[in-house]
N, C-alpha and C. Protein backbone atom coordinates (compact mmCIF):
# COMPACT_ATOMS: atom_id res chain seq x y z
N UNK A 1 -111.17 78.98 187.89
CA UNK A 1 -112.04 77.92 187.04
C UNK A 1 -113.27 77.24 188.20
N UNK A 2 -113.56 77.39 187.85
CA UNK A 2 -114.71 76.57 188.75
C UNK A 2 -115.29 75.06 188.22
N UNK A 3 -114.12 74.85 189.36
CA UNK A 3 -113.98 73.05 189.38
C UNK A 3 -115.62 72.03 190.23
N UNK A 4 -116.50 72.73 190.38
CA UNK A 4 -117.17 71.87 191.09
C UNK A 4 -117.94 71.26 190.30
N UNK A 5 -117.97 70.97 189.50
CA UNK A 5 -118.91 69.94 188.79
C UNK A 5 -118.23 69.57 188.04
N UNK A 6 -116.48 69.07 188.42
CA UNK A 6 -115.26 67.55 187.82
C UNK A 6 -115.01 66.47 188.63
N UNK A 7 -116.02 66.37 189.13
CA UNK A 7 -116.04 65.34 190.30
C UNK A 7 -117.04 64.46 190.27
N UNK A 8 -117.14 63.41 190.15
CA UNK A 8 -118.07 61.95 190.04
C UNK A 8 -118.93 61.68 190.96
N UNK A 9 -118.45 62.60 192.17
CA UNK A 9 -119.07 62.60 193.34
C UNK A 9 -120.54 63.96 193.76
N UNK A 10 -119.93 64.52 192.20
CA UNK A 10 -121.21 65.85 192.13
C UNK A 10 -122.46 64.81 191.67
N UNK A 11 -121.55 64.44 190.69
CA UNK A 11 -122.78 64.36 189.83
C UNK A 11 -123.72 63.10 191.00
N UNK A 12 -122.68 62.41 191.20
CA UNK A 12 -124.09 61.53 192.35
C UNK A 12 -124.64 61.93 193.04
N UNK A 13 -124.80 62.69 192.90
CA UNK A 13 -125.78 63.53 193.96
C UNK A 13 -126.96 64.53 193.18
N UNK A 14 -126.78 64.54 192.37
CA UNK A 14 -128.03 65.17 190.88
C UNK A 14 -128.46 63.94 190.80
N UNK A 15 -130.08 64.30 190.41
CA UNK A 15 -131.55 63.29 190.33
C UNK A 15 -131.38 64.03 189.33
N UNK A 16 -131.53 62.14 188.99
CA UNK A 16 -131.42 62.48 187.40
C UNK A 16 -133.12 62.17 187.01
N UNK A 17 -134.09 62.70 185.79
CA UNK A 17 -135.22 62.40 185.84
C UNK A 17 -135.86 62.47 184.52
N UNK A 18 -136.76 60.81 183.79
CA UNK A 18 -137.21 60.37 183.16
C UNK A 18 -138.60 60.96 182.77
N UNK A 19 -138.32 61.05 181.42
CA UNK A 19 -139.27 61.81 180.33
C UNK A 19 -140.44 61.65 179.53
N UNK A 20 -141.61 60.65 179.06
CA UNK A 20 -141.89 59.89 177.80
C UNK A 20 -140.89 60.81 176.94
N UNK A 21 -140.90 60.67 175.31
CA UNK A 21 -140.39 61.63 174.31
C UNK A 21 -141.81 60.83 173.72
N UNK A 22 -141.40 61.75 172.27
CA UNK A 22 -141.94 61.69 171.60
C UNK A 22 -141.54 61.68 169.87
N UNK A 23 -140.27 61.62 168.94
CA UNK A 23 -140.00 62.38 167.57
C UNK A 23 -140.78 62.46 167.55
N UNK A 24 -140.57 63.84 166.55
CA UNK A 24 -140.93 65.12 165.88
C UNK A 24 -140.29 65.10 164.52
N UNK A 25 -139.13 65.31 164.55
CA UNK A 25 -137.78 65.40 163.19
C UNK A 25 -136.85 64.65 163.84
N UNK A 26 -136.12 64.21 162.58
CA UNK A 26 -134.56 64.36 162.96
C UNK A 26 -133.59 64.19 161.82
N UNK A 27 -133.30 64.85 162.01
CA UNK A 27 -132.27 65.73 161.16
C UNK A 27 -130.68 64.81 160.91
N UNK A 28 -129.96 64.95 159.98
CA UNK A 28 -128.73 65.51 159.80
C UNK A 28 -127.54 66.28 160.34
N UNK A 29 -126.61 66.11 161.11
CA UNK A 29 -126.34 67.97 161.28
C UNK A 29 -124.90 66.95 161.98
N UNK A 30 -123.69 68.39 161.71
CA UNK A 30 -122.57 68.32 162.06
C UNK A 30 -121.81 66.75 160.29
N UNK A 31 -122.11 67.55 159.27
CA UNK A 31 -121.49 66.69 158.39
C UNK A 31 -122.03 65.50 158.24
N UNK A 32 -123.59 64.50 158.87
CA UNK A 32 -124.17 63.42 158.56
C UNK A 32 -123.87 62.40 159.92
N UNK A 33 -122.60 63.81 160.94
CA UNK A 33 -121.62 62.63 161.44
C UNK A 33 -123.40 62.76 163.54
N UNK A 34 -123.52 63.75 163.22
CA UNK A 34 -125.00 63.54 164.43
C UNK A 34 -126.29 63.78 164.11
N UNK A 35 -127.69 63.48 164.43
CA UNK A 35 -128.63 63.73 164.29
C UNK A 35 -129.60 65.13 165.39
N UNK A 36 -129.97 65.81 164.94
CA UNK A 36 -130.04 66.45 165.62
C UNK A 36 -131.93 66.64 166.00
N UNK A 37 -132.74 66.21 167.13
CA UNK A 37 -133.76 65.56 167.34
C UNK A 37 -134.95 66.48 167.32
N UNK A 38 -135.84 66.46 167.91
CA UNK A 38 -136.93 68.11 168.30
C UNK A 38 -138.21 66.50 168.50
N UNK A 39 -138.82 66.72 169.37
CA UNK A 39 -140.02 66.35 170.25
C UNK A 39 -140.66 66.12 169.67
N UNK A 40 -142.20 65.84 170.54
CA UNK A 40 -143.88 66.88 170.05
C UNK A 40 -143.43 67.18 171.30
N UNK A 41 -142.55 67.26 172.85
CA UNK A 41 -142.58 68.01 173.54
C UNK A 41 -142.35 69.11 173.11
N UNK A 42 -141.74 69.95 172.59
CA UNK A 42 -140.65 71.68 172.36
C UNK A 42 -139.35 70.58 172.99
N UNK A 43 -138.63 69.51 172.68
CA UNK A 43 -137.63 69.95 173.27
C UNK A 43 -136.66 69.60 172.12
N UNK A 44 -135.47 70.04 171.82
CA UNK A 44 -134.28 70.28 171.27
C UNK A 44 -132.88 69.84 171.37
N UNK A 45 -132.64 68.69 171.32
CA UNK A 45 -131.14 67.91 171.01
C UNK A 45 -130.85 67.74 170.71
N UNK A 46 -129.10 67.40 170.28
CA UNK A 46 -127.97 67.12 169.47
C UNK A 46 -127.46 64.87 170.33
N UNK A 47 -127.48 64.78 169.09
CA UNK A 47 -126.51 62.98 169.61
C UNK A 47 -125.85 62.24 168.26
N UNK A 48 -124.20 61.67 168.38
CA UNK A 48 -123.51 61.19 167.63
C UNK A 48 -124.47 59.82 167.81
N UNK A 49 -124.46 59.58 165.99
CA UNK A 49 -125.38 59.07 165.55
C UNK A 49 -124.88 57.83 165.83
N UNK A 50 -123.46 57.31 165.85
CA UNK A 50 -122.91 56.21 166.43
C UNK A 50 -122.88 55.81 168.04
N UNK A 51 -123.03 56.62 168.21
CA UNK A 51 -123.53 56.84 170.64
C UNK A 51 -124.88 56.31 169.95
N UNK A 52 -126.22 56.53 169.11
CA UNK A 52 -126.99 56.39 169.24
C UNK A 52 -127.75 54.84 168.86
N UNK A 53 -126.92 54.64 167.84
CA UNK A 53 -126.78 52.75 167.16
C UNK A 53 -127.54 52.81 166.54
N UNK A 54 -129.09 53.58 166.20
CA UNK A 54 -129.87 53.21 165.04
C UNK A 54 -130.59 54.57 164.26
N UNK A 55 -131.27 53.98 163.38
CA UNK A 55 -132.03 54.79 162.44
C UNK A 55 -132.66 55.63 163.48
N UNK A 56 -133.03 56.94 164.23
CA UNK A 56 -134.29 57.92 164.97
C UNK A 56 -135.07 57.56 163.73
N UNK A 57 -136.81 58.25 163.63
CA UNK A 57 -136.95 58.10 162.91
C UNK A 57 -138.35 58.78 163.48
N UNK A 58 -138.40 59.64 162.93
CA UNK A 58 -140.28 60.68 163.93
C UNK A 58 -141.04 59.47 163.57
N UNK A 59 -141.51 59.86 165.10
CA UNK A 59 -142.93 58.94 165.94
C UNK A 59 -142.27 57.89 166.86
N UNK A 60 -140.77 57.42 166.58
CA UNK A 60 -140.19 56.93 167.48
C UNK A 60 -140.74 57.31 169.22
N UNK A 61 -140.87 56.12 169.77
CA UNK A 61 -141.25 56.84 171.42
C UNK A 61 -140.04 56.60 172.04
N UNK A 62 -139.64 57.11 173.54
CA UNK A 62 -138.57 56.84 173.88
C UNK A 62 -138.72 57.80 175.53
N UNK A 63 -138.00 57.32 176.12
CA UNK A 63 -138.21 58.40 177.59
C UNK A 63 -136.36 58.68 177.53
N UNK A 64 -136.43 59.83 178.15
CA UNK A 64 -134.74 60.55 178.01
C UNK A 64 -134.34 61.15 179.44
N UNK A 65 -133.58 60.18 179.92
CA UNK A 65 -133.28 61.30 181.12
C UNK A 65 -132.29 62.34 181.23
N UNK A 66 -133.32 63.26 181.66
CA UNK A 66 -131.47 64.18 182.06
C UNK A 66 -131.48 64.30 183.51
N UNK A 67 -131.01 65.90 183.19
CA UNK A 67 -130.09 66.03 184.58
C UNK A 67 -129.80 67.58 184.86
N UNK A 68 -130.51 68.06 185.68
CA UNK A 68 -130.11 69.54 185.75
C UNK A 68 -131.50 70.08 185.41
N UNK A 69 -131.89 69.58 184.98
CA UNK A 69 -133.63 69.09 183.66
C UNK A 69 -133.79 69.87 182.11
N UNK A 70 -132.55 69.86 181.47
CA UNK A 70 -131.63 70.12 180.60
C UNK A 70 -130.45 69.35 179.91
N UNK A 71 -130.53 68.50 181.00
CA UNK A 71 -128.74 68.64 180.21
C UNK A 71 -128.84 66.75 180.11
N UNK A 72 -128.92 66.17 178.74
CA UNK A 72 -129.84 64.96 178.54
C UNK A 72 -128.97 64.01 179.03
N UNK A 73 -129.06 62.81 179.52
CA UNK A 73 -128.01 62.11 180.31
C UNK A 73 -127.96 60.36 179.53
N UNK A 74 -129.01 60.09 178.95
CA UNK A 74 -129.97 59.01 178.47
C UNK A 74 -130.86 58.43 177.84
N UNK A 75 -131.16 58.26 176.83
CA UNK A 75 -132.09 58.06 176.05
C UNK A 75 -132.54 56.23 176.32
N UNK A 76 -133.43 55.81 176.21
CA UNK A 76 -133.73 54.33 176.40
C UNK A 76 -135.20 53.63 175.78
N UNK A 77 -135.21 52.86 175.54
CA UNK A 77 -136.58 52.79 173.66
C UNK A 77 -137.84 52.04 174.78
N UNK A 78 -138.40 51.40 174.27
CA UNK A 78 -139.97 51.06 174.47
C UNK A 78 -139.57 49.95 174.98
N UNK A 79 -138.99 49.09 174.44
CA UNK A 79 -138.27 48.12 175.46
C UNK A 79 -137.24 47.50 176.95
N UNK A 80 -136.89 49.32 177.35
CA UNK A 80 -136.72 49.24 178.32
C UNK A 80 -134.70 49.14 177.95
N UNK A 81 -134.32 49.07 176.67
CA UNK A 81 -132.49 49.24 176.57
C UNK A 81 -132.23 50.59 176.53
N UNK A 82 -131.12 51.54 176.58
CA UNK A 82 -130.59 51.69 176.85
C UNK A 82 -129.58 52.06 175.55
N UNK A 83 -130.00 53.25 174.71
CA UNK A 83 -129.26 53.63 174.00
C UNK A 83 -127.52 54.05 173.71
N UNK A 84 -127.93 54.88 174.95
CA UNK A 84 -126.82 55.42 175.45
C UNK A 84 -127.71 55.91 176.90
N UNK A 85 -126.24 55.68 177.22
CA UNK A 85 -126.28 56.56 179.22
C UNK A 85 -124.69 56.97 180.16
N UNK A 86 -124.72 58.34 179.46
CA UNK A 86 -123.46 58.69 180.54
C UNK A 86 -123.40 58.58 181.74
N UNK A 87 -122.27 58.40 182.86
CA UNK A 87 -121.81 58.27 183.47
C UNK A 87 -121.15 59.43 184.25
N UNK A 88 -121.71 59.50 186.25
CA UNK A 88 -121.56 60.43 186.58
C UNK A 88 -119.49 60.49 186.46
N UNK A 89 -119.08 59.45 185.96
CA UNK A 89 -117.34 59.91 185.58
C UNK A 89 -117.80 60.42 184.29
N UNK A 90 -118.69 60.05 183.03
CA UNK A 90 -117.68 60.88 182.07
C UNK A 90 -118.00 62.15 182.14
N UNK A 91 -119.99 62.33 182.86
CA UNK A 91 -120.01 63.58 183.07
C UNK A 91 -118.98 65.04 183.18
N UNK A 92 -118.05 64.44 184.62
CA UNK A 92 -117.29 64.98 184.76
C UNK A 92 -115.97 65.50 184.48
N UNK A 93 -116.08 64.49 183.50
CA UNK A 93 -115.38 64.99 182.28
C UNK A 93 -115.54 66.11 181.55
N UNK A 94 -116.73 65.81 180.44
CA UNK A 94 -117.04 66.58 179.25
C UNK A 94 -116.68 68.08 180.53
N UNK A 95 -117.57 67.99 181.18
CA UNK A 95 -117.74 69.27 182.40
C UNK A 95 -116.22 69.62 182.92
N UNK A 96 -114.80 69.08 182.58
CA UNK A 96 -113.65 69.21 183.23
C UNK A 96 -113.57 70.17 181.95
N UNK A 97 -113.86 69.82 180.72
CA UNK A 97 -113.54 69.28 179.62
C UNK A 97 -113.97 71.08 179.02
N UNK A 98 -115.30 70.92 179.42
CA UNK A 98 -115.85 72.42 178.53
C UNK A 98 -114.74 74.08 179.48
N UNK A 99 -114.58 73.37 180.19
CA UNK A 99 -113.99 74.33 181.30
C UNK A 99 -112.92 74.52 181.53
N UNK A 100 -111.65 74.43 180.87
CA UNK A 100 -111.02 74.02 180.03
C UNK A 100 -111.24 75.03 179.12
N UNK A 101 -112.06 74.72 177.91
CA UNK A 101 -112.18 75.15 176.10
C UNK A 101 -112.66 75.95 176.96
N UNK A 102 -113.40 76.63 177.44
CA UNK A 102 -113.95 78.07 178.06
C UNK A 102 -113.27 78.73 177.93
N UNK A 103 -112.13 79.13 178.99
CA UNK A 103 -111.05 79.14 179.69
C UNK A 103 -110.41 79.26 178.28
N UNK A 104 -109.18 79.14 177.76
CA UNK A 104 -109.08 79.46 177.02
C UNK A 104 -109.53 80.50 175.60
N UNK A 105 -110.67 79.96 175.23
CA UNK A 105 -111.60 80.91 174.62
C UNK A 105 -111.54 82.52 175.39
N UNK A 106 -111.81 82.38 176.72
CA UNK A 106 -111.57 83.74 177.12
C UNK A 106 -110.71 84.81 176.98
N UNK A 107 -109.37 83.50 177.14
CA UNK A 107 -107.48 83.86 177.56
C UNK A 107 -107.57 84.71 175.61
N UNK A 108 -108.06 83.94 175.06
CA UNK A 108 -107.68 84.34 173.11
C UNK A 108 -108.08 85.68 173.04
N UNK A 109 -109.90 85.37 173.94
CA UNK A 109 -110.66 86.69 173.02
C UNK A 109 -110.05 87.97 174.05
N UNK A 110 -109.35 87.34 175.01
CA UNK A 110 -108.82 89.07 176.18
C UNK A 110 -107.43 89.55 175.09
N UNK A 111 -106.66 88.45 175.14
CA UNK A 111 -106.00 89.29 173.98
C UNK A 111 -106.18 89.69 172.68
N UNK A 112 -106.92 88.87 172.25
CA UNK A 112 -107.46 89.75 171.20
C UNK A 112 -108.61 91.48 170.93
N UNK A 113 -108.39 91.31 172.46
CA UNK A 113 -109.67 92.43 171.93
C UNK A 113 -108.93 93.43 173.19
N UNK A 114 -107.79 93.06 174.21
CA UNK A 114 -108.27 94.52 174.79
C UNK A 114 -107.72 96.30 174.55
N UNK A 115 -106.96 95.49 173.15
CA UNK A 115 -106.85 97.25 173.08
C UNK A 115 -107.90 98.14 172.94
N UNK A 116 -109.13 97.51 171.96
CA UNK A 116 -110.04 98.05 171.63
C UNK A 116 -111.05 98.27 173.05
N UNK A 117 -111.23 97.40 173.74
CA UNK A 117 -112.06 97.37 174.79
C UNK A 117 -111.59 98.53 175.77
N UNK A 118 -110.82 98.97 175.67
CA UNK A 118 -109.81 99.73 176.68
C UNK A 118 -110.35 101.54 176.19
N UNK A 119 -110.00 101.16 174.58
CA UNK A 119 -110.22 102.50 174.27
C UNK A 119 -111.98 102.91 174.30
N UNK A 120 -112.61 101.78 174.21
CA UNK A 120 -114.15 102.09 173.82
C UNK A 120 -114.79 102.39 175.64
N UNK A 121 -114.11 102.03 175.99
CA UNK A 121 -114.17 102.48 178.09
C UNK A 121 -113.85 103.72 178.07
N UNK A 122 -112.71 104.02 177.59
CA UNK A 122 -112.54 104.86 178.09
C UNK A 122 -113.22 106.69 176.88
N UNK A 123 -113.98 105.55 175.96
CA UNK A 123 -114.91 106.73 175.20
C UNK A 123 -116.33 106.57 176.28
N UNK A 124 -116.22 106.37 177.91
CA UNK A 124 -117.51 105.86 177.51
C UNK A 124 -117.79 107.12 178.58
N UNK A 125 -119.25 107.67 178.82
CA UNK A 125 -119.86 109.25 179.90
C UNK A 125 -119.20 107.97 181.59
N UNK A 126 -118.36 109.06 183.00
CA UNK A 126 -118.55 108.37 183.57
C UNK A 126 -119.44 107.39 184.36
N UNK A 127 -120.08 108.46 183.83
CA UNK A 127 -121.60 107.44 185.38
C UNK A 127 -121.70 105.78 185.03
N UNK A 128 -121.51 105.54 183.26
CA UNK A 128 -121.60 103.98 183.65
C UNK A 128 -119.99 103.30 183.29
N UNK A 129 -119.10 104.57 183.26
CA UNK A 129 -117.73 103.63 183.39
C UNK A 129 -117.52 103.19 185.26
N UNK A 130 -117.95 104.11 185.28
CA UNK A 130 -117.71 103.56 187.07
C UNK A 130 -118.71 102.88 187.30
N UNK A 131 -118.78 101.80 186.73
CA UNK A 131 -119.47 100.57 187.25
C UNK A 131 -118.21 99.80 187.03
N UNK A 132 -117.83 99.54 185.74
CA UNK A 132 -117.03 99.09 185.04
C UNK A 132 -115.84 99.38 185.67
N UNK A 133 -115.15 100.13 186.76
CA UNK A 133 -114.16 100.28 187.38
C UNK A 133 -113.85 99.82 189.05
N UNK A 134 -115.81 99.31 188.98
CA UNK A 134 -116.19 98.54 190.46
C UNK A 134 -115.72 97.25 190.30
N UNK A 135 -116.26 96.71 189.28
CA UNK A 135 -115.97 95.37 188.73
C UNK A 135 -114.70 95.12 188.95
N UNK A 136 -113.86 96.02 188.39
CA UNK A 136 -112.32 95.97 188.35
C UNK A 136 -111.26 95.74 189.57
N UNK A 137 -112.28 96.88 190.50
CA UNK A 137 -111.08 96.95 191.71
C UNK A 137 -111.35 95.99 192.90
N UNK A 138 -113.14 95.38 192.32
CA UNK A 138 -113.02 94.48 193.26
C UNK A 138 -112.49 93.20 192.75
N UNK A 139 -112.66 92.65 190.87
CA UNK A 139 -112.16 91.02 191.06
C UNK A 139 -110.48 91.52 190.55
N UNK A 140 -110.36 92.61 189.73
CA UNK A 140 -108.91 93.01 189.29
C UNK A 140 -109.33 92.59 187.47
N UNK A 141 -107.88 91.22 187.32
CA UNK A 141 -107.76 90.70 186.21
C UNK A 141 -108.71 89.38 186.16
N UNK A 142 -109.37 89.52 187.07
CA UNK A 142 -110.45 88.03 186.67
C UNK A 142 -110.96 88.38 185.77
N UNK A 143 -111.96 90.29 186.61
CA UNK A 143 -112.62 90.38 185.92
C UNK A 143 -112.10 91.21 184.09
N UNK A 144 -110.74 91.03 183.76
CA UNK A 144 -110.82 91.55 182.71
C UNK A 144 -111.37 90.73 181.55
N UNK A 145 -111.04 89.00 182.75
CA UNK A 145 -110.44 88.03 181.93
C UNK A 145 -111.51 87.69 181.36
N UNK A 146 -113.07 87.86 182.38
CA UNK A 146 -114.10 86.90 182.43
C UNK A 146 -115.35 88.07 182.00
N UNK A 147 -115.56 89.21 182.86
CA UNK A 147 -116.44 90.03 181.94
C UNK A 147 -116.49 91.24 180.83
N UNK A 148 -115.07 91.72 181.19
CA UNK A 148 -114.74 93.43 180.11
C UNK A 148 -116.25 92.72 179.30
N UNK A 149 -115.86 92.36 178.52
CA UNK A 149 -116.30 92.31 176.90
C UNK A 149 -117.70 92.34 177.66
N UNK A 150 -118.34 91.22 178.54
CA UNK A 150 -119.64 91.11 178.50
C UNK A 150 -119.94 92.96 178.78
N UNK A 151 -119.18 93.26 179.83
CA UNK A 151 -119.99 94.07 180.34
C UNK A 151 -119.73 95.65 179.79
N UNK A 152 -118.43 95.97 178.42
CA UNK A 152 -119.05 96.98 178.27
C UNK A 152 -120.02 97.05 177.11
N UNK A 153 -120.84 95.79 176.57
CA UNK A 153 -121.74 95.52 175.39
C UNK A 153 -122.85 96.00 176.44
N UNK A 154 -123.47 95.73 177.83
CA UNK A 154 -124.45 96.45 178.70
C UNK A 154 -124.17 98.02 178.67
N UNK A 155 -122.43 98.86 178.98
CA UNK A 155 -122.21 99.88 179.44
C UNK A 155 -122.84 100.49 178.08
N UNK A 156 -122.66 100.15 176.59
CA UNK A 156 -122.88 101.16 175.62
C UNK A 156 -123.64 101.17 174.85
N UNK A 157 -124.60 99.46 176.17
CA UNK A 157 -125.99 99.77 175.60
C UNK A 157 -126.34 100.88 176.11
N UNK A 158 -126.53 100.46 177.61
CA UNK A 158 -126.87 101.25 178.91
C UNK A 158 -127.16 102.93 178.47
N UNK A 159 -125.38 103.12 178.31
CA UNK A 159 -125.45 104.92 177.05
C UNK A 159 -126.44 105.44 176.25
N UNK A 160 -126.42 103.77 175.10
CA UNK A 160 -127.75 104.43 173.57
C UNK A 160 -129.02 104.90 174.33
N UNK A 161 -129.50 103.57 175.25
CA UNK A 161 -130.71 103.26 175.91
C UNK A 161 -131.66 104.61 176.75
N UNK A 162 -130.29 105.53 177.49
CA UNK A 162 -130.69 106.28 178.11
C UNK A 162 -131.02 107.92 177.23
N UNK A 163 -129.72 107.59 176.34
CA UNK A 163 -130.07 108.76 175.16
C UNK A 163 -130.79 109.18 174.68
N UNK A 164 -132.24 107.97 174.51
CA UNK A 164 -133.33 107.35 173.78
C UNK A 164 -132.46 107.34 172.09
N UNK A 165 -130.97 107.13 172.18
CA UNK A 165 -130.99 106.38 170.67
C UNK A 165 -131.07 105.15 170.25
N UNK A 166 -131.36 104.19 169.82
CA UNK A 166 -132.55 103.52 169.17
C UNK A 166 -131.80 102.95 167.44
N UNK A 167 -131.32 103.73 167.39
CA UNK A 167 -130.29 103.30 165.62
C UNK A 167 -129.43 102.92 167.17
N UNK A 168 -128.92 103.44 167.25
CA UNK A 168 -127.26 103.04 168.27
C UNK A 168 -127.79 102.03 169.38
N UNK A 169 -128.40 101.40 169.80
CA UNK A 169 -128.38 100.60 170.90
C UNK A 169 -129.23 99.51 169.22
N UNK A 170 -130.30 99.35 167.82
CA UNK A 170 -128.73 99.41 167.12
C UNK A 170 -128.16 98.08 166.26
N UNK A 171 -127.25 99.19 165.82
CA UNK A 171 -125.93 99.51 166.05
C UNK A 171 -124.73 98.27 166.99
N UNK A 172 -124.83 98.34 168.21
CA UNK A 172 -124.42 98.29 168.26
C UNK A 172 -125.15 96.32 168.93
N UNK A 173 -126.45 96.08 168.60
CA UNK A 173 -126.52 94.43 168.52
C UNK A 173 -126.11 94.32 167.69
N UNK A 174 -126.45 94.77 166.22
CA UNK A 174 -125.99 94.26 164.91
C UNK A 174 -124.62 92.94 165.38
N UNK A 175 -123.64 94.42 165.84
CA UNK A 175 -121.51 94.41 165.75
C UNK A 175 -121.73 93.21 166.78
N UNK A 176 -122.20 93.05 167.81
CA UNK A 176 -122.29 92.46 169.17
C UNK A 176 -122.59 91.65 169.65
N UNK A 177 -123.59 90.61 168.75
CA UNK A 177 -124.82 89.50 168.67
C UNK A 177 -125.13 90.26 170.20
N UNK A 178 -125.20 91.29 170.40
CA UNK A 178 -125.59 90.86 171.74
C UNK A 178 -126.83 90.96 172.14
N UNK A 179 -127.52 90.34 173.87
CA UNK A 179 -127.70 89.02 174.13
C UNK A 179 -128.76 89.84 175.09
N UNK A 180 -130.23 89.07 174.69
CA UNK A 180 -131.45 89.85 175.55
C UNK A 180 -131.40 90.03 177.19
N UNK A 181 -130.76 89.69 176.93
CA UNK A 181 -130.10 89.73 179.08
C UNK A 181 -129.00 91.00 178.60
N UNK A 182 -128.24 90.79 178.00
CA UNK A 182 -127.72 91.99 177.93
C UNK A 182 -128.90 93.16 178.14
N UNK A 183 -129.18 93.60 176.96
CA UNK A 183 -130.62 94.17 176.96
C UNK A 183 -131.12 94.68 178.28
N UNK A 184 -131.30 93.91 178.81
CA UNK A 184 -132.31 94.14 179.92
C UNK A 184 -131.54 94.94 181.33
N UNK A 185 -130.29 94.64 181.51
CA UNK A 185 -129.24 95.19 181.78
C UNK A 185 -129.10 96.26 182.21
N UNK A 186 -129.66 96.69 180.39
CA UNK A 186 -128.45 98.04 179.99
C UNK A 186 -130.41 98.64 180.12
N UNK A 187 -130.77 98.48 179.85
CA UNK A 187 -132.14 99.20 179.62
C UNK A 187 -132.35 100.25 181.57
N UNK A 188 -132.24 98.75 182.73
CA UNK A 188 -132.60 99.57 183.46
C UNK A 188 -131.93 100.16 184.22
N UNK A 189 -129.53 100.03 184.11
CA UNK A 189 -129.39 100.07 184.57
C UNK A 189 -129.95 102.16 183.58
N UNK A 190 -130.74 102.56 182.61
CA UNK A 190 -130.86 103.28 181.81
C UNK A 190 -131.38 104.44 182.66
N UNK A 191 -133.45 103.60 182.89
CA UNK A 191 -133.69 104.18 183.81
C UNK A 191 -133.68 104.55 184.26
N UNK A 192 -133.09 103.79 185.64
CA UNK A 192 -132.19 104.93 186.51
C UNK A 192 -131.80 106.00 186.74
N UNK A 193 -130.53 105.43 186.25
CA UNK A 193 -129.28 107.06 186.01
C UNK A 193 -129.96 107.88 185.34
N UNK A 194 -131.70 108.09 184.56
CA UNK A 194 -132.25 108.53 183.78
C UNK A 194 -133.21 109.65 184.73
N UNK A 195 -133.35 108.86 186.00
CA UNK A 195 -134.09 109.11 186.81
C UNK A 195 -133.73 109.75 187.68
N UNK A 196 -131.76 109.77 187.82
CA UNK A 196 -130.99 110.40 188.97
C UNK A 196 -130.59 110.05 190.26
N UNK A 197 -130.83 108.53 190.09
CA UNK A 197 -131.15 107.78 191.10
C UNK A 197 -128.77 107.08 190.55
N UNK A 198 -128.48 106.27 191.99
CA UNK A 198 -127.26 106.06 191.67
C UNK A 198 -127.29 104.16 190.60
N UNK A 199 -126.08 103.93 189.99
CA UNK A 199 -126.78 102.79 189.43
C UNK A 199 -125.80 101.51 190.60
N UNK A 200 -125.16 102.07 191.23
CA UNK A 200 -124.06 101.79 191.78
C UNK A 200 -124.61 99.70 192.67
N UNK A 201 -125.71 99.74 192.84
CA UNK A 201 -126.14 98.26 193.57
C UNK A 201 -126.16 96.95 192.53
N UNK A 202 -125.98 98.12 191.69
CA UNK A 202 -127.31 96.97 190.36
C UNK A 202 -125.90 95.61 190.30
N UNK A 203 -126.36 94.35 189.97
CA UNK A 203 -125.35 93.11 190.22
C UNK A 203 -124.46 93.36 188.94
N UNK A 204 -123.18 92.40 188.40
CA UNK A 204 -123.11 92.43 187.41
C UNK A 204 -123.52 91.82 186.35
N UNK A 205 -124.04 91.24 185.09
CA UNK A 205 -124.64 91.28 184.20
C UNK A 205 -124.52 89.28 183.94
N UNK A 206 -123.80 89.24 184.70
CA UNK A 206 -123.72 87.49 184.31
C UNK A 206 -124.15 86.80 185.53
N UNK A 207 -124.04 87.90 186.40
CA UNK A 207 -124.85 87.45 187.99
C UNK A 207 -125.67 85.90 188.01
N UNK A 208 -125.68 86.04 187.51
CA UNK A 208 -127.92 85.06 187.78
C UNK A 208 -126.76 83.59 186.87
N UNK A 209 -126.03 84.13 185.72
CA UNK A 209 -124.47 82.67 186.31
C UNK A 209 -123.52 82.23 186.55
N UNK A 210 -122.60 82.98 186.82
CA UNK A 210 -122.02 83.26 188.47
C UNK A 210 -121.79 83.53 188.97
N UNK A 211 -122.90 83.88 189.38
CA UNK A 211 -123.38 83.95 191.13
C UNK A 211 -122.50 85.18 192.04
N UNK A 212 -121.93 85.83 191.29
CA UNK A 212 -120.69 86.96 191.38
C UNK A 212 -121.59 88.32 190.92
N UNK A 213 -122.09 88.63 192.28
CA UNK A 213 -122.39 90.43 191.96
C UNK A 213 -121.63 91.50 191.64
N UNK A 214 -119.91 90.84 191.33
CA UNK A 214 -119.07 91.94 191.20
C UNK A 214 -117.89 91.03 190.07
N UNK A 215 -117.81 89.87 190.29
CA UNK A 215 -116.81 88.95 189.22
C UNK A 215 -116.24 88.46 190.60
N UNK A 216 -115.71 88.92 191.28
CA UNK A 216 -114.79 88.41 193.03
C UNK A 216 -115.07 87.15 192.85
């Protein structure tokens, strides 16, 4: 588990940005306990009604505070009063809980699917199975928990793309809810393989998120 975001110091060193927003729509969500806001600037986010402390209406103007360019940390009205503002300690605790919940979901997913994933991997042609074996050699059990299911979808899509089998591509997409990133990776792998080149240098599908080319 990456714990770098679990400290107040981490968030204290992050710049918070303010942006003037105009509410375009405000709709109830989560059984009426939250409100989902859309702004005229094209931003979308939700907050608990209790946290906001007032009814939000179209046309209302606020300053929206964010960190990392997307994570909402506060809303301030035109009188300069904060409806809410997340502290650095709150951010650290939120990210700690999110990490723990994410790790638990991965553990449950692995236990539920490991037999199925093993069968799918065994059915792959060697040229793409070698990619998964490379990740497992590099990261061991960590790969099985963190990336196996994700990479299997990429691998299966890559085989279908390489074979020009659009029906299978669509079937896998429907079954797995595959992402645009998985399809992009799969198409790149298929193109390189069909040229007769080695795919071994391509990084993991989750490298943009994890920062690791092989889950290690």
